[in-house]
Protein backbone atom coordinates (compact mmCIF):
# COMPACT_ATOMS: atom_id res chain seq x y z
CA MET A 1 -64.28 -71.98 -1.63
CA SER A 2 -62.01 -72.90 -4.48
CA PHE A 3 -62.16 -69.45 -6.09
CA LEU A 4 -60.07 -67.80 -3.34
CA ILE A 5 -56.47 -67.08 -4.20
CA SER A 6 -53.89 -68.38 -1.79
CA TRP A 7 -51.51 -65.59 -0.80
CA VAL A 8 -47.83 -66.42 -0.58
CA ALA A 9 -45.42 -64.19 1.33
CA TYR A 10 -43.10 -62.71 -1.29
CA GLU A 11 -39.52 -62.13 -0.28
CA TRP A 12 -37.61 -59.29 -1.92
CA THR A 13 -34.00 -60.09 -2.66
CA TYR A 14 -31.44 -57.63 -3.93
CA GLU A 15 -28.26 -58.28 -5.82
CA TYR A 16 -25.60 -55.68 -5.21
CA TYR A 17 -22.84 -54.77 -7.63
CA TYR A 18 -20.18 -54.85 -4.94
CA ASP A 19 -20.80 -58.55 -4.39
CA TYR A 20 -19.05 -59.24 -7.68
CA MET A 21 -15.84 -57.40 -7.06
CA ASP A 22 -13.66 -56.42 -4.14
CA PRO A 23 -13.23 -52.71 -3.40
CA VAL A 24 -9.96 -51.15 -4.52
CA THR A 25 -7.47 -50.89 -1.69
CA VAL A 26 -5.34 -47.76 -1.54
CA ASP A 27 -2.36 -47.33 0.71
CA ALA A 28 -2.73 -43.83 2.17
CA SER A 29 0.98 -43.59 3.00
CA LYS A 30 1.88 -43.77 -0.71
CA LEU A 31 -0.35 -40.87 -1.75
CA ARG A 32 1.44 -37.65 -2.59
CA TYR A 33 -1.51 -35.51 -1.48
CA ASN A 34 -4.01 -35.78 1.31
CA ARG A 35 -7.09 -37.69 0.16
CA TYR A 36 -9.39 -34.82 1.15
CA SER A 37 -7.38 -32.28 -0.83
CA ILE A 38 -7.81 -34.48 -3.92
CA VAL A 39 -11.59 -34.34 -3.48
CA ILE A 40 -11.52 -30.57 -2.91
CA ILE A 41 -9.43 -30.05 -6.07
CA PHE A 42 -11.86 -32.23 -8.03
CA TRP A 43 -14.92 -30.22 -6.94
CA ILE A 44 -13.22 -26.87 -7.55
CA THR A 45 -12.28 -28.03 -11.06
CA MET A 46 -15.84 -29.20 -11.71
CA ALA A 47 -17.24 -25.88 -10.49
CA ALA A 48 -14.82 -23.97 -12.74
CA PHE A 49 -15.81 -25.94 -15.84
CA ILE A 50 -19.51 -25.57 -15.07
CA GLY A 51 -19.05 -21.84 -14.48
CA LEU A 52 -17.21 -21.41 -17.77
CA PHE A 53 -19.87 -23.40 -19.60
CA ILE A 54 -22.72 -21.33 -18.14
CA HIS A 55 -20.81 -18.10 -18.84
CA SER A 56 -20.24 -19.07 -22.48
CA VAL A 57 -23.89 -20.07 -22.97
CA ILE A 58 -25.12 -16.79 -21.49
CA SER A 59 -22.63 -14.84 -23.63
CA ILE A 60 -23.77 -16.57 -26.81
CA LEU A 61 -27.43 -15.97 -25.96
CA GLY A 62 -26.68 -12.32 -25.24
CA VAL A 63 -24.89 -11.83 -28.56
CA MET A 64 -27.77 -13.45 -30.42
CA HIS A 65 -30.24 -11.16 -28.65
CA VAL A 66 -28.23 -8.02 -29.53
CA THR A 67 -27.95 -8.98 -33.20
CA GLU A 68 -31.71 -9.52 -33.40
CA LYS A 69 -32.28 -6.02 -31.98
CA LYS A 70 -29.86 -4.47 -34.49
CA LYS A 71 -31.56 -6.20 -37.41
CA SER A 72 -34.99 -5.05 -36.31
CA GLN A 73 -33.81 -1.46 -35.77
CA SER A 74 -32.08 -1.19 -39.15
CA GLN A 75 -35.17 -2.14 -41.16
CA PRO A 76 -37.79 0.62 -41.23
CA LEU A 77 -41.36 -0.37 -40.59
CA THR A 78 -43.69 -0.06 -43.54
CA VAL A 79 -47.19 1.06 -42.76
CA ILE A 80 -49.91 -0.16 -45.08
CA ALA A 81 -52.80 2.29 -45.16
């Protein structure tokens, strides 16, 4: 039976990025702030920027919607009979 394919066990190998470089070492005693407070400040700042961005987008969309209503109300409808 020469038409049968011989199956070879395939081995998956992964190459990780961290194999190329050593992680950065940080001396916790030299930090001015607690490491968890730095993370909390980062997430609060991110939430503030995202909130401001969403607020500005909604405000712009609201202004555009109001101006469209004013334009449509100022022009009288013409009825063709």
